[in-house]
Amino acid sequence: ISKAFQRLTKLQTIYFAKSPFTYENIAADWEDADSEYAKQYADEELSWSNLTKLTDLELYNCPNLTQIPEFIYDLPELQLLNIACNKGISGDQLTADWQRLADDEDTGQKIQILYMGYNNLERFPESASLQEMVKLGILEWVHNNVKQLLAFGTNVKLTDIKLSYNQIEKIPENFCAFSGKVEYLGFNHY
């Protein structure tokens, strides 16, 4: 994907699925740096942070990803993130990426919906990081290998939680504060 993609500043939703790219090459370079188009915009300040309308990103089933791409942390208004079915990302790396996302004040505190199902997730980030995700309402990480849940705390009010097909041994008392409108709570097959 060409770096010209970063010129789409009014874009609201991106779906990348079943793509062969790696975490470091998504719109990082010009497709053809010698083209007239590339030369025309070579001096333009292109950055993912200019995509201020982008709220929904799906980076789904990309087998060559070994970590969450850097550009995600530059998206200033990201609210929905689907990083499901990325089996090339190790469990430890996915935990580290989730922690970085949660700790990032420009992204983590704005995420409302997080899909992480069908990955290699084995453990959560530290509770202090999870507690930063104050707008999180929908969380789905089915078909992973999670054994221990860590607490989001009472400031995170989840409405939809799907944790089925994990190896959950214990749910902490202060796992989260449920909103008055819990729509789904699933811990099946653990």
N, C-alpha and C. Protein backbone atom coordinates (compact mmCIF):
# COMPACT_ATOMS: atom_id res chain seq x y z
N ILE A 1 0.86 -1.17 0.00
CA ILE A 1 0.00 0.00 0.00
C ILE A 1 0.90 1.22 0.00
N SER A 2 0.66 2.11 -0.91
CA SER A 2 1.50 3.28 -1.08
C SER A 2 1.35 4.27 0.07
N LYS A 3 2.38 5.04 0.30
CA LYS A 3 2.35 6.11 1.29
C LYS A 3 1.28 7.15 0.95
N ALA A 4 0.89 7.21 -0.30
CA ALA A 4 -0.17 8.14 -0.73
C ALA A 4 -1.46 7.89 0.04
N PHE A 5 -1.62 6.72 0.59
CA PHE A 5 -2.78 6.39 1.41
C PHE A 5 -2.98 7.40 2.53
N GLN A 6 -1.89 7.95 3.05
CA GLN A 6 -1.95 8.91 4.16
C GLN A 6 -2.54 10.25 3.74
N ARG A 7 -2.80 10.43 2.47
CA ARG A 7 -3.43 11.66 1.98
C ARG A 7 -4.95 11.60 2.15
N LEU A 8 -5.49 10.46 2.51
CA LEU A 8 -6.94 10.28 2.64
C LEU A 8 -7.42 10.76 4.01
N THR A 9 -7.32 12.03 4.26
CA THR A 9 -7.55 12.59 5.59
C THR A 9 -9.02 12.58 6.02
N LYS A 10 -9.93 12.33 5.11
CA LYS A 10 -11.35 12.27 5.47
C LYS A 10 -11.85 10.83 5.64
N LEU A 11 -10.94 9.89 5.51
CA LEU A 11 -11.27 8.48 5.64
C LEU A 11 -11.75 8.20 7.07
N GLN A 12 -12.83 7.43 7.20
CA GLN A 12 -13.38 7.11 8.51
C GLN A 12 -13.16 5.65 8.93
N THR A 13 -13.08 4.76 7.94
CA THR A 13 -12.98 3.33 8.23
C THR A 13 -11.98 2.69 7.29
N ILE A 14 -11.16 1.80 7.83
CA ILE A 14 -10.23 1.01 7.02
C ILE A 14 -10.41 -0.46 7.39
N TYR A 15 -10.52 -1.29 6.36
CA TYR A 15 -10.53 -2.74 6.53
C TYR A 15 -9.35 -3.32 5.77
N PHE A 16 -8.38 -3.84 6.48
CA PHE A 16 -7.27 -4.59 5.88
C PHE A 16 -7.48 -6.04 6.30
N ALA A 17 -7.73 -6.91 5.36
CA ALA A 17 -7.96 -8.31 5.71
C ALA A 17 -7.23 -9.22 4.74
N LYS A 18 -6.72 -10.31 5.28
CA LYS A 18 -6.04 -11.33 4.48
C LYS A 18 -4.97 -10.72 3.59
N SER A 19 -4.23 -9.78 4.15
CA SER A 19 -3.20 -9.08 3.39
C SER A 19 -1.82 -9.61 3.73
N PRO A 20 -0.91 -9.61 2.75
CA PRO A 20 0.43 -10.16 2.98
C PRO A 20 1.41 -9.18 3.61
N PHE A 21 0.99 -7.94 3.89
CA PHE A 21 1.97 -6.98 4.40
C PHE A 21 2.44 -7.32 5.81
N THR A 22 3.54 -6.68 6.20
CA THR A 22 4.09 -6.84 7.54
C THR A 22 3.86 -5.55 8.32
N TYR A 23 4.13 -5.58 9.60
CA TYR A 23 3.80 -4.44 10.44
C TYR A 23 4.54 -3.16 10.05
N GLU A 24 5.72 -3.28 9.45
CA GLU A 24 6.51 -2.07 9.18
C GLU A 24 6.31 -1.52 7.77
N ASN A 25 5.54 -2.18 6.92
CA ASN A 25 5.47 -1.67 5.55
C ASN A 25 4.09 -1.20 5.10
N ILE A 26 3.20 -0.93 6.01
CA ILE A 26 1.86 -0.48 5.63
C ILE A 26 1.90 1.02 5.36
N ALA A 27 1.84 1.38 4.10
CA ALA A 27 1.85 2.78 3.66
C ALA A 27 3.05 3.55 4.20
N ALA A 28 4.18 2.90 4.26
CA ALA A 28 5.40 3.54 4.76
C ALA A 28 6.22 4.16 3.63
N ASP A 29 6.08 3.64 2.42
CA ASP A 29 6.86 4.13 1.28
C ASP A 29 5.94 4.38 0.09
N TRP A 30 6.46 5.11 -0.85
CA TRP A 30 5.74 5.32 -2.10
C TRP A 30 5.81 4.05 -2.92
N GLU A 31 4.75 3.74 -3.61
CA GLU A 31 4.75 2.56 -4.47
C GLU A 31 5.80 2.70 -5.56
N ASP A 32 5.86 3.91 -6.13
CA ASP A 32 6.85 4.21 -7.16
C ASP A 32 7.38 5.61 -6.88
N ALA A 33 8.47 5.69 -6.16
CA ALA A 33 9.01 6.98 -5.73
C ALA A 33 9.40 7.88 -6.90
N ASP A 34 9.60 7.31 -8.06
CA ASP A 34 9.99 8.10 -9.23
C ASP A 34 8.79 8.55 -10.06
N SER A 35 7.59 8.18 -9.65
CA SER A 35 6.42 8.57 -10.43
C SER A 35 6.16 10.07 -10.29
N GLU A 36 5.44 10.61 -11.23
CA GLU A 36 5.08 12.04 -11.19
C GLU A 36 4.22 12.33 -9.96
N TYR A 37 3.35 11.41 -9.63
CA TYR A 37 2.48 11.58 -8.46
C TYR A 37 3.31 11.69 -7.18
N ALA A 38 4.24 10.77 -7.01
CA ALA A 38 5.09 10.77 -5.82
C ALA A 38 5.91 12.06 -5.75
N LYS A 39 6.44 12.48 -6.87
CA LYS A 39 7.24 13.71 -6.89
C LYS A 39 6.39 14.92 -6.55
N GLN A 40 5.14 14.93 -6.99
CA GLN A 40 4.24 16.05 -6.74
C GLN A 40 3.97 16.24 -5.24
N TYR A 41 3.92 15.14 -4.50
CA TYR A 41 3.59 15.21 -3.07
C TYR A 41 4.78 14.88 -2.16
N ALA A 42 5.97 14.83 -2.72
CA ALA A 42 7.15 14.45 -1.94
C ALA A 42 7.41 15.40 -0.77
N ASP A 43 7.08 16.67 -0.91
CA ASP A 43 7.33 17.64 0.16
C ASP A 43 6.16 17.77 1.12
N GLU A 44 5.05 17.13 0.82
CA GLU A 44 3.88 17.21 1.69
C GLU A 44 4.13 16.41 2.96
N GLU A 45 3.72 16.95 4.08
CA GLU A 45 3.89 16.29 5.38
C GLU A 45 2.82 15.20 5.52
N LEU A 46 3.17 13.98 5.14
CA LEU A 46 2.24 12.87 5.23
C LEU A 46 2.47 12.13 6.54
N SER A 47 1.37 11.86 7.22
CA SER A 47 1.46 11.16 8.49
C SER A 47 0.11 10.52 8.80
N TRP A 48 0.14 9.39 9.45
CA TRP A 48 -1.10 8.76 9.89
C TRP A 48 -1.85 9.66 10.87
N SER A 49 -1.14 10.50 11.59
CA SER A 49 -1.80 11.39 12.56
C SER A 49 -2.69 12.42 11.89
N ASN A 50 -2.53 12.62 10.58
CA ASN A 50 -3.41 13.53 9.84
C ASN A 50 -4.78 12.93 9.55
N LEU A 51 -4.95 11.65 9.78
CA LEU A 51 -6.24 11.00 9.53
C LEU A 51 -7.13 11.17 10.76
N THR A 52 -7.57 12.38 11.00
CA THR A 52 -8.32 12.73 12.21
C THR A 52 -9.76 12.27 12.18
N LYS A 53 -10.24 11.81 11.05
CA LYS A 53 -11.62 11.31 10.95
C LYS A 53 -11.67 9.79 11.08
N LEU A 54 -10.52 9.15 11.04
CA LEU A 54 -10.48 7.69 11.08
C LEU A 54 -10.79 7.19 12.48
N THR A 55 -11.92 6.49 12.61
CA THR A 55 -12.33 5.96 13.92
C THR A 55 -12.33 4.44 13.97
N ASP A 56 -12.48 3.78 12.82
CA ASP A 56 -12.61 2.32 12.80
C ASP A 56 -11.50 1.70 11.95
N LEU A 57 -10.78 0.77 12.55
CA LEU A 57 -9.70 0.09 11.84
C LEU A 57 -9.80 -1.41 12.09
N GLU A 58 -9.86 -2.16 11.01
CA GLU A 58 -9.81 -3.61 11.10
C GLU A 58 -8.55 -4.09 10.40
N LEU A 59 -7.72 -4.76 11.13
CA LEU A 59 -6.48 -5.34 10.64
C LEU A 59 -6.59 -6.83 10.93
N TYR A 60 -7.32 -7.53 10.09
CA TYR A 60 -7.85 -8.85 10.35
C TYR A 60 -7.20 -9.92 9.48
N ASN A 61 -6.78 -11.00 10.11
CA ASN A 61 -6.29 -12.17 9.40
C ASN A 61 -5.15 -11.85 8.42
N CYS A 62 -4.12 -11.20 8.94
CA CYS A 62 -2.93 -10.87 8.16
C CYS A 62 -1.80 -11.77 8.65
N PRO A 63 -1.50 -12.84 7.94
CA PRO A 63 -0.61 -13.88 8.45
C PRO A 63 0.84 -13.47 8.65
N ASN A 64 1.29 -12.40 8.01
CA ASN A 64 2.69 -11.99 8.14
C ASN A 64 2.93 -10.95 9.24
N LEU A 65 1.89 -10.53 9.92
CA LEU A 65 2.09 -9.58 11.02
C LEU A 65 2.73 -10.30 12.19
N THR A 66 3.77 -9.70 12.75
CA THR A 66 4.42 -10.26 13.94
C THR A 66 4.26 -9.32 15.13
N GLN A 67 3.67 -8.17 14.91
CA GLN A 67 3.30 -7.25 15.98
C GLN A 67 2.31 -6.24 15.40
N ILE A 68 1.70 -5.48 16.27
CA ILE A 68 0.75 -4.47 15.84
C ILE A 68 1.52 -3.35 15.15
N PRO A 69 1.07 -2.93 13.98
CA PRO A 69 1.80 -1.88 13.23
C PRO A 69 1.90 -0.56 13.99
N GLU A 70 3.02 0.10 13.80
CA GLU A 70 3.30 1.37 14.48
C GLU A 70 2.25 2.44 14.20
N PHE A 71 1.72 2.47 13.00
CA PHE A 71 0.81 3.56 12.64
C PHE A 71 -0.43 3.61 13.52
N ILE A 72 -0.82 2.49 14.11
CA ILE A 72 -2.01 2.47 14.96
C ILE A 72 -1.87 3.45 16.12
N TYR A 73 -0.67 3.58 16.65
CA TYR A 73 -0.46 4.47 17.79
C TYR A 73 -0.48 5.94 17.38
N ASP A 74 -0.47 6.21 16.08
CA ASP A 74 -0.50 7.58 15.58
C ASP A 74 -1.91 8.05 15.21
N LEU A 75 -2.88 7.16 15.27
CA LEU A 75 -4.25 7.53 14.88
C LEU A 75 -4.92 8.25 16.04
N PRO A 76 -5.22 9.54 15.89
CA PRO A 76 -5.67 10.33 17.02
C PRO A 76 -7.11 10.09 17.49
N GLU A 77 -7.97 9.50 16.65
CA GLU A 77 -9.37 9.34 17.03
C GLU A 77 -9.86 7.90 16.92
N LEU A 78 -8.97 6.94 17.00
CA LEU A 78 -9.33 5.54 16.86
C LEU A 78 -10.27 5.11 17.98
N GLN A 79 -11.42 4.52 17.60
CA GLN A 79 -12.40 4.07 18.57
C GLN A 79 -12.67 2.57 18.49
N LEU A 80 -12.57 2.00 17.29
CA LEU A 80 -12.78 0.57 17.10
C LEU A 80 -11.52 -0.02 16.50
N LEU A 81 -11.01 -1.07 17.13
CA LEU A 81 -9.82 -1.75 16.63
C LEU A 81 -10.09 -3.25 16.61
N ASN A 82 -10.01 -3.84 15.42
CA ASN A 82 -10.16 -5.27 15.26
C ASN A 82 -8.81 -5.83 14.82
N ILE A 83 -8.17 -6.56 15.70
CA ILE A 83 -6.89 -7.20 15.39
C ILE A 83 -7.01 -8.71 15.56
N ALA A 84 -8.17 -9.24 15.18
CA ALA A 84 -8.43 -10.67 15.33
C ALA A 84 -7.73 -11.47 14.24
N CYS A 85 -7.52 -12.73 14.54
CA CYS A 85 -7.00 -13.72 13.59
C CYS A 85 -5.62 -13.38 13.04
N ASN A 86 -4.77 -12.85 13.85
CA ASN A 86 -3.39 -12.56 13.43
C ASN A 86 -2.46 -13.53 14.16
N LYS A 87 -2.45 -14.76 13.70
CA LYS A 87 -1.71 -15.84 14.37
C LYS A 87 -0.20 -15.70 14.29
N GLY A 88 0.30 -14.78 13.46
CA GLY A 88 1.74 -14.56 13.38
C GLY A 88 2.28 -13.75 14.56
N ILE A 89 1.39 -13.15 15.34
CA ILE A 89 1.80 -12.36 16.51
C ILE A 89 1.83 -13.29 17.72
N SER A 90 2.97 -13.39 18.36
CA SER A 90 3.09 -14.27 19.54
C SER A 90 2.25 -13.72 20.69
N GLY A 91 1.95 -14.58 21.63
CA GLY A 91 1.18 -14.17 22.80
C GLY A 91 1.86 -13.06 23.59
N ASP A 92 3.16 -13.18 23.82
CA ASP A 92 3.90 -12.15 24.56
C ASP A 92 3.90 -10.82 23.81
N GLN A 93 4.07 -10.88 22.50
CA GLN A 93 4.08 -9.65 21.70
C GLN A 93 2.71 -8.99 21.71
N LEU A 94 1.66 -9.80 21.61
CA LEU A 94 0.31 -9.24 21.62
C LEU A 94 0.00 -8.59 22.97
N THR A 95 0.44 -9.20 24.04
CA THR A 95 0.26 -8.59 25.37
C THR A 95 1.01 -7.26 25.45
N ALA A 96 2.24 -7.24 24.97
CA ALA A 96 3.03 -5.99 24.98
C ALA A 96 2.37 -4.92 24.10
N ASP A 97 1.85 -5.32 22.95
CA ASP A 97 1.18 -4.36 22.07
C ASP A 97 -0.08 -3.81 22.72
N TRP A 98 -0.85 -4.68 23.37
CA TRP A 98 -2.07 -4.24 24.05
C TRP A 98 -1.73 -3.29 25.18
N GLN A 99 -0.68 -3.59 25.93
CA GLN A 99 -0.27 -2.70 27.02
C GLN A 99 0.15 -1.34 26.47
N ARG A 100 0.92 -1.34 25.40
CA ARG A 100 1.33 -0.06 24.80
C ARG A 100 0.12 0.73 24.31
N LEU A 101 -0.82 0.05 23.71
CA LEU A 101 -2.04 0.70 23.24
C LEU A 101 -2.81 1.31 24.41
N ALA A 102 -2.97 0.56 25.47
CA ALA A 102 -3.71 1.05 26.64
C ALA A 102 -3.01 2.23 27.30
N ASP A 103 -1.69 2.20 27.35
CA ASP A 103 -0.92 3.26 28.00
C ASP A 103 -0.80 4.52 27.15
N ASP A 104 -1.04 4.41 25.85
CA ASP A 104 -0.90 5.55 24.94
C ASP A 104 -2.11 6.47 25.12
N GLU A 105 -1.88 7.67 25.61
CA GLU A 105 -3.00 8.58 25.90
C GLU A 105 -3.73 9.06 24.66
N ASP A 106 -3.11 8.99 23.50
CA ASP A 106 -3.78 9.40 22.27
C ASP A 106 -4.68 8.31 21.70
N THR A 107 -4.43 7.07 22.01
CA THR A 107 -5.26 6.00 21.46
C THR A 107 -5.98 5.20 22.53
N GLY A 108 -5.27 4.71 23.52
CA GLY A 108 -5.84 3.79 24.50
C GLY A 108 -7.04 4.32 25.25
N GLN A 109 -7.05 5.59 25.54
CA GLN A 109 -8.17 6.15 26.30
C GLN A 109 -9.38 6.45 25.43
N LYS A 110 -9.26 6.26 24.12
CA LYS A 110 -10.38 6.52 23.21
C LYS A 110 -10.99 5.24 22.64
N ILE A 111 -10.29 4.13 22.78
CA ILE A 111 -10.80 2.86 22.24
C ILE A 111 -12.09 2.48 22.96
N GLN A 112 -13.14 2.23 22.16
CA GLN A 112 -14.43 1.81 22.70
C GLN A 112 -14.72 0.34 22.42
N ILE A 113 -14.17 -0.16 21.31
CA ILE A 113 -14.42 -1.54 20.89
C ILE A 113 -13.08 -2.17 20.52
N LEU A 114 -12.80 -3.34 21.12
CA LEU A 114 -11.54 -4.02 20.87
C LEU A 114 -11.81 -5.50 20.62
N TYR A 115 -11.52 -5.93 19.39
CA TYR A 115 -11.65 -7.33 19.01
C TYR A 115 -10.26 -7.94 18.90
N MET A 116 -10.03 -9.01 19.66
CA MET A 116 -8.73 -9.68 19.66
C MET A 116 -8.87 -11.19 19.58
N GLY A 117 -9.99 -11.68 19.08
CA GLY A 117 -10.26 -13.11 19.03
C GLY A 117 -9.36 -13.86 18.08
N TYR A 118 -9.27 -15.16 18.31
CA TYR A 118 -8.55 -16.08 17.43
C TYR A 118 -7.08 -15.70 17.26
N ASN A 119 -6.44 -15.37 18.35
CA ASN A 119 -5.02 -15.02 18.36
C ASN A 119 -4.28 -15.96 19.30
N ASN A 120 -3.09 -15.57 19.69
CA ASN A 120 -2.25 -16.36 20.60
C ASN A 120 -2.18 -15.73 21.99
N LEU A 121 -3.13 -14.90 22.33
CA LEU A 121 -3.10 -14.19 23.61
C LEU A 121 -3.13 -15.17 24.78
N GLU A 122 -2.18 -15.02 25.69
CA GLU A 122 -2.11 -15.89 26.86
C GLU A 122 -2.33 -15.12 28.16
N ARG A 123 -2.02 -13.84 28.13
CA ARG A 123 -2.17 -13.06 29.36
C ARG A 123 -2.50 -11.61 29.03
N PHE A 124 -3.04 -10.96 30.03
CA PHE A 124 -3.42 -9.55 29.90
C PHE A 124 -2.24 -8.65 30.23
N PRO A 125 -2.32 -7.39 29.81
CA PRO A 125 -1.37 -6.40 30.34
C PRO A 125 -1.66 -6.17 31.82
N GLU A 126 -0.80 -5.43 32.46
CA GLU A 126 -1.00 -5.12 33.87
C GLU A 126 -2.30 -4.34 34.07
N SER A 127 -2.93 -4.52 35.23
CA SER A 127 -4.19 -3.84 35.53
C SER A 127 -4.08 -2.32 35.44
N ALA A 128 -2.95 -1.77 35.83
CA ALA A 128 -2.77 -0.31 35.76
C ALA A 128 -2.96 0.19 34.32
N SER A 129 -2.50 -0.59 33.36
CA SER A 129 -2.68 -0.23 31.95
C SER A 129 -4.13 -0.41 31.53
N LEU A 130 -4.73 -1.53 31.90
CA LEU A 130 -6.13 -1.79 31.53
C LEU A 130 -7.05 -0.70 32.06
N GLN A 131 -6.76 -0.17 33.23
CA GLN A 131 -7.60 0.86 33.84
C GLN A 131 -7.58 2.16 33.07
N GLU A 132 -6.63 2.32 32.16
CA GLU A 132 -6.56 3.53 31.32
C GLU A 132 -7.59 3.50 30.18
N MET A 133 -8.14 2.33 29.90
CA MET A 133 -9.07 2.18 28.78
C MET A 133 -10.50 2.51 29.23
N VAL A 134 -10.68 3.73 29.67
CA VAL A 134 -11.92 4.14 30.34
C VAL A 134 -13.14 4.20 29.43
N LYS A 135 -12.97 4.25 28.13
CA LYS A 135 -14.12 4.29 27.22
C LYS A 135 -14.46 2.92 26.64
N LEU A 136 -13.70 1.91 27.00
CA LEU A 136 -13.92 0.57 26.45
C LEU A 136 -15.29 0.07 26.88
N GLY A 137 -16.08 -0.36 25.90
CA GLY A 137 -17.41 -0.90 26.17
C GLY A 137 -17.57 -2.32 25.67
N ILE A 138 -16.94 -2.63 24.53
CA ILE A 138 -17.05 -3.96 23.94
C ILE A 138 -15.66 -4.57 23.84
N LEU A 139 -15.54 -5.77 24.39
CA LEU A 139 -14.26 -6.47 24.40
C LEU A 139 -14.50 -7.92 24.00
N GLU A 140 -13.77 -8.37 22.99
CA GLU A 140 -13.93 -9.74 22.53
C GLU A 140 -12.57 -10.37 22.29
N TRP A 141 -12.27 -11.44 22.99
CA TRP A 141 -11.06 -12.20 22.71
C TRP A 141 -11.34 -13.69 22.89
N VAL A 142 -12.28 -14.18 22.09
CA VAL A 142 -12.60 -15.61 22.09
C VAL A 142 -11.48 -16.39 21.41
N HIS A 143 -11.42 -17.66 21.71
CA HIS A 143 -10.45 -18.58 21.09
C HIS A 143 -9.01 -18.09 21.22
N ASN A 144 -8.60 -17.82 22.44
CA ASN A 144 -7.22 -17.52 22.77
C ASN A 144 -6.77 -18.54 23.81
N ASN A 145 -5.74 -18.24 24.55
CA ASN A 145 -5.22 -19.16 25.57
C ASN A 145 -5.11 -18.48 26.93
N VAL A 146 -6.02 -17.57 27.22
CA VAL A 146 -5.97 -16.79 28.46
C VAL A 146 -6.40 -17.66 29.64
N LYS A 147 -5.59 -17.66 30.69
CA LYS A 147 -5.92 -18.40 31.91
C LYS A 147 -6.34 -17.46 33.03
N GLN A 148 -5.63 -16.34 33.15
CA GLN A 148 -5.88 -15.43 34.26
C GLN A 148 -6.33 -14.08 33.73
N LEU A 149 -7.47 -13.63 34.23
CA LEU A 149 -7.95 -12.30 33.89
C LEU A 149 -7.43 -11.30 34.90
N LEU A 150 -6.99 -10.16 34.43
CA LEU A 150 -6.60 -9.08 35.32
C LEU A 150 -7.69 -8.02 35.28
N ALA A 151 -7.76 -7.23 36.31
CA ALA A 151 -8.88 -6.31 36.48
C ALA A 151 -8.74 -5.02 35.68
N PHE A 152 -9.84 -4.63 35.08
CA PHE A 152 -9.95 -3.32 34.45
C PHE A 152 -10.30 -2.27 35.50
N GLY A 153 -10.89 -2.69 36.59
CA GLY A 153 -11.29 -1.77 37.65
C GLY A 153 -12.68 -1.21 37.40
N THR A 154 -13.15 -0.45 38.35
CA THR A 154 -14.54 0.01 38.32
C THR A 154 -14.78 1.22 37.43
N ASN A 155 -13.73 1.83 36.87
CA ASN A 155 -13.92 2.96 35.95
C ASN A 155 -14.18 2.52 34.52
N VAL A 156 -13.97 1.25 34.22
CA VAL A 156 -14.21 0.71 32.88
C VAL A 156 -15.55 -0.03 32.93
N LYS A 157 -16.52 0.49 32.17
CA LYS A 157 -17.88 -0.05 32.19
C LYS A 157 -18.17 -0.79 30.89
N LEU A 158 -17.95 -2.09 30.92
CA LEU A 158 -18.14 -2.91 29.74
C LEU A 158 -19.62 -3.26 29.55
N THR A 159 -20.08 -3.31 28.30
CA THR A 159 -21.45 -3.69 27.99
C THR A 159 -21.51 -5.03 27.26
N ASP A 160 -20.43 -5.43 26.64
CA ASP A 160 -20.41 -6.64 25.83
C ASP A 160 -19.04 -7.29 25.98
N ILE A 161 -19.00 -8.47 26.60
CA ILE A 161 -17.74 -9.15 26.86
C ILE A 161 -17.85 -10.58 26.34
N LYS A 162 -16.95 -10.93 25.43
CA LYS A 162 -16.94 -12.29 24.89
C LYS A 162 -15.56 -12.89 25.15
N LEU A 163 -15.52 -13.85 26.07
CA LEU A 163 -14.26 -14.47 26.48
C LEU A 163 -14.28 -15.99 26.29
N SER A 164 -15.22 -16.49 25.54
CA SER A 164 -15.40 -17.93 25.40
C SER A 164 -14.19 -18.58 24.73
N TYR A 165 -14.05 -19.87 24.99
CA TYR A 165 -13.00 -20.69 24.41
C TYR A 165 -11.60 -20.18 24.78
N ASN A 166 -11.42 -19.97 26.06
CA ASN A 166 -10.12 -19.68 26.65
C ASN A 166 -9.88 -20.72 27.73
N GLN A 167 -8.97 -20.49 28.62
CA GLN A 167 -8.68 -21.41 29.72
C GLN A 167 -8.79 -20.68 31.05
N ILE A 168 -9.78 -19.85 31.18
CA ILE A 168 -9.93 -18.95 32.33
C ILE A 168 -10.12 -19.76 33.61
N GLU A 169 -9.27 -19.46 34.59
CA GLU A 169 -9.30 -20.16 35.87
C GLU A 169 -9.98 -19.33 36.95
N LYS A 170 -9.92 -18.00 36.81
CA LYS A 170 -10.47 -17.14 37.86
C LYS A 170 -10.81 -15.77 37.27
N ILE A 171 -11.92 -15.22 37.74
CA ILE A 171 -12.33 -13.88 37.35
C ILE A 171 -12.20 -12.99 38.58
N PRO A 172 -11.38 -11.94 38.53
CA PRO A 172 -11.19 -11.11 39.72
C PRO A 172 -12.48 -10.35 40.08
N GLU A 173 -12.64 -10.07 41.35
CA GLU A 173 -13.84 -9.37 41.83
C GLU A 173 -14.04 -8.03 41.14
N ASN A 174 -12.99 -7.28 40.97
CA ASN A 174 -13.10 -5.94 40.38
C ASN A 174 -12.74 -5.98 38.89
N PHE A 175 -13.14 -7.07 38.21
CA PHE A 175 -12.80 -7.24 36.80
C PHE A 175 -13.19 -6.00 36.00
N CYS A 176 -14.40 -5.52 36.19
CA CYS A 176 -14.84 -4.27 35.56
C CYS A 176 -16.14 -3.84 36.23
N ALA A 177 -16.57 -2.64 35.92
CA ALA A 177 -17.88 -2.18 36.36
C ALA A 177 -18.80 -2.32 35.17
N PHE A 178 -19.81 -3.13 35.32
CA PHE A 178 -20.72 -3.31 34.20
C PHE A 178 -21.65 -2.11 34.12
N SER A 179 -21.90 -1.67 32.91
CA SER A 179 -22.87 -0.59 32.74
C SER A 179 -24.25 -1.15 33.05
N GLY A 180 -25.21 -0.29 33.16
CA GLY A 180 -26.58 -0.74 33.42
C GLY A 180 -27.19 -1.43 32.22
N LYS A 181 -26.47 -1.49 31.12
CA LYS A 181 -27.00 -2.07 29.89
C LYS A 181 -26.10 -3.18 29.36
N VAL A 182 -25.76 -4.13 30.19
CA VAL A 182 -24.94 -5.24 29.72
C VAL A 182 -25.74 -6.03 28.71
N GLU A 183 -25.19 -6.17 27.52
CA GLU A 183 -25.90 -6.87 26.45
C GLU A 183 -25.45 -8.31 26.32
N TYR A 184 -24.17 -8.58 26.60
CA TYR A 184 -23.67 -9.94 26.45
C TYR A 184 -22.49 -10.16 27.38
N LEU A 185 -22.49 -11.29 28.03
CA LEU A 185 -21.39 -11.70 28.89
C LEU A 185 -21.15 -13.18 28.65
N GLY A 186 -20.05 -13.52 27.98
CA GLY A 186 -19.81 -14.90 27.62
C GLY A 186 -18.48 -15.41 28.09
N PHE A 187 -18.52 -16.45 28.94
CA PHE A 187 -17.32 -17.14 29.42
C PHE A 187 -17.42 -18.63 29.10
N ASN A 188 -18.12 -19.01 28.07
CA ASN A 188 -18.37 -20.42 27.74
C ASN A 188 -17.07 -21.14 27.41
N HIS A 189 -17.08 -22.43 27.65
CA HIS A 189 -16.02 -23.34 27.24
C HIS A 189 -14.63 -22.92 27.73
N TYR A 190 -14.52 -22.66 29.01
CA TYR A 190 -13.21 -22.32 29.56
C TYR A 190 -12.70 -23.40 30.44
